[in-house]
Amino acid sequence: MPFVITSPCVKEKNGSCVEVCPVDCIEEGEDMFHIDPEVCIDCGACEPVCPVEAIYPDDEVPEEEADYIEFNRAYFS
């Protein structure tokens, strides 16, 4: 999973990340957006446009946000 959206996105749902994604791998969930790990091409376009800094490469997710790695993966299961 190249990128993960974490808790700052919960109830934020700004959508800037969706607009810049070249492969449409970001989907809107009930409370936040999620990145489809099977579609994401690891381009990083979404990360700098997130106004709440909720998007991280999967290997840089802060420890306190690590549950969002599996939470995101499970969303697409």
Protein backbone atom coordinates (compact mmCIF):
# COMPACT_ATOMS: atom_id res chain seq x y z
CA MET A 1 0.00 0.00 0.00
CA PRO A 2 1.85 3.09 -1.18
CA PHE A 3 -0.11 5.85 0.61
CA VAL A 4 -2.46 5.87 3.59
CA ILE A 5 -5.00 8.44 4.75
CA THR A 6 -5.05 8.85 8.53
CA SER A 7 -7.25 10.31 11.28
CA PRO A 8 -6.95 14.04 10.46
CA CYS A 9 -9.17 13.26 7.45
CA VAL A 10 -12.01 11.90 9.60
CA LYS A 11 -14.99 14.21 9.10
CA GLU A 12 -12.79 16.60 7.07
CA LYS A 13 -13.36 15.21 3.57
CA ASN A 14 -11.92 18.21 1.72
CA GLY A 15 -11.46 16.28 -1.53
CA SER A 16 -8.34 18.02 -2.82
CA CYS A 17 -6.59 14.66 -2.96
CA VAL A 18 -9.29 13.20 -5.20
CA GLU A 19 -8.94 16.07 -7.67
CA VAL A 20 -5.19 15.54 -8.21
CA CYS A 21 -5.08 11.73 -8.31
CA PRO A 22 -4.17 10.66 -11.85
CA VAL A 23 -5.56 7.12 -11.45
CA ASP A 24 -8.71 7.77 -9.39
CA CYS A 25 -7.61 5.54 -6.52
CA ILE A 26 -9.10 7.70 -3.75
CA GLU A 27 -12.67 6.94 -2.76
CA GLU A 28 -14.98 8.74 -0.39
CA GLY A 29 -16.08 6.66 2.56
CA GLU A 30 -18.66 7.43 5.20
CA ASP A 31 -16.38 9.58 7.39
CA MET A 32 -13.19 10.01 5.35
CA PHE A 33 -11.40 9.23 2.11
CA HIS A 34 -9.52 5.99 1.44
CA ILE A 35 -6.74 5.10 -1.01
CA ASP A 36 -7.16 1.85 -2.95
CA PRO A 37 -3.81 0.07 -2.54
CA GLU A 38 -4.39 -1.99 -5.69
CA VAL A 39 -4.88 1.09 -7.88
CA CYS A 40 -2.48 3.63 -6.32
CA ILE A 41 0.65 4.11 -8.44
CA ASP A 42 2.65 5.72 -5.62
CA CYS A 43 2.95 9.06 -7.45
CA GLY A 44 2.56 11.15 -4.29
CA ALA A 45 0.35 13.80 -5.91
CA CYS A 46 -2.19 13.58 -3.09
CA GLU A 47 0.17 14.09 -0.17
CA PRO A 48 1.12 17.79 -0.61
CA VAL A 49 -2.44 18.95 -1.38
CA CYS A 50 -4.03 17.49 1.76
CA PRO A 51 -5.01 20.53 3.87
CA VAL A 52 -4.96 18.52 7.12
CA GLU A 53 -1.73 16.59 6.39
CA ALA A 54 -3.48 13.22 6.72
CA ILE A 55 -1.72 11.38 3.87
CA TYR A 56 1.53 9.46 4.38
CA PRO A 57 3.58 6.90 2.51
CA ASP A 58 2.75 3.59 4.21
CA ASP A 59 6.25 3.29 5.66
CA GLU A 60 6.08 6.81 7.19
CA VAL A 61 2.72 6.63 8.94
CA PRO A 62 3.20 7.90 12.52
CA GLU A 63 3.08 5.13 15.10
CA GLU A 64 -0.09 6.51 16.69
CA GLU A 65 -1.80 6.35 13.27
CA ALA A 66 -0.61 2.84 12.32
CA ASP A 67 -4.11 1.35 12.69
CA TYR A 68 -5.13 3.34 9.62
CA ILE A 69 -2.92 1.18 7.41
CA GLU A 70 -5.14 -1.85 8.02
CA PHE A 71 -8.30 0.29 8.24
CA ASN A 72 -7.63 1.59 4.73
CA ARG A 73 -6.81 -1.87 3.37
CA ALA A 74 -9.96 -3.34 4.93
CA TYR A 75 -12.13 -0.67 3.29
CA PHE A 76 -11.33 -2.19 -0.11
CA SER A 77 -11.69 -5.84 0.97
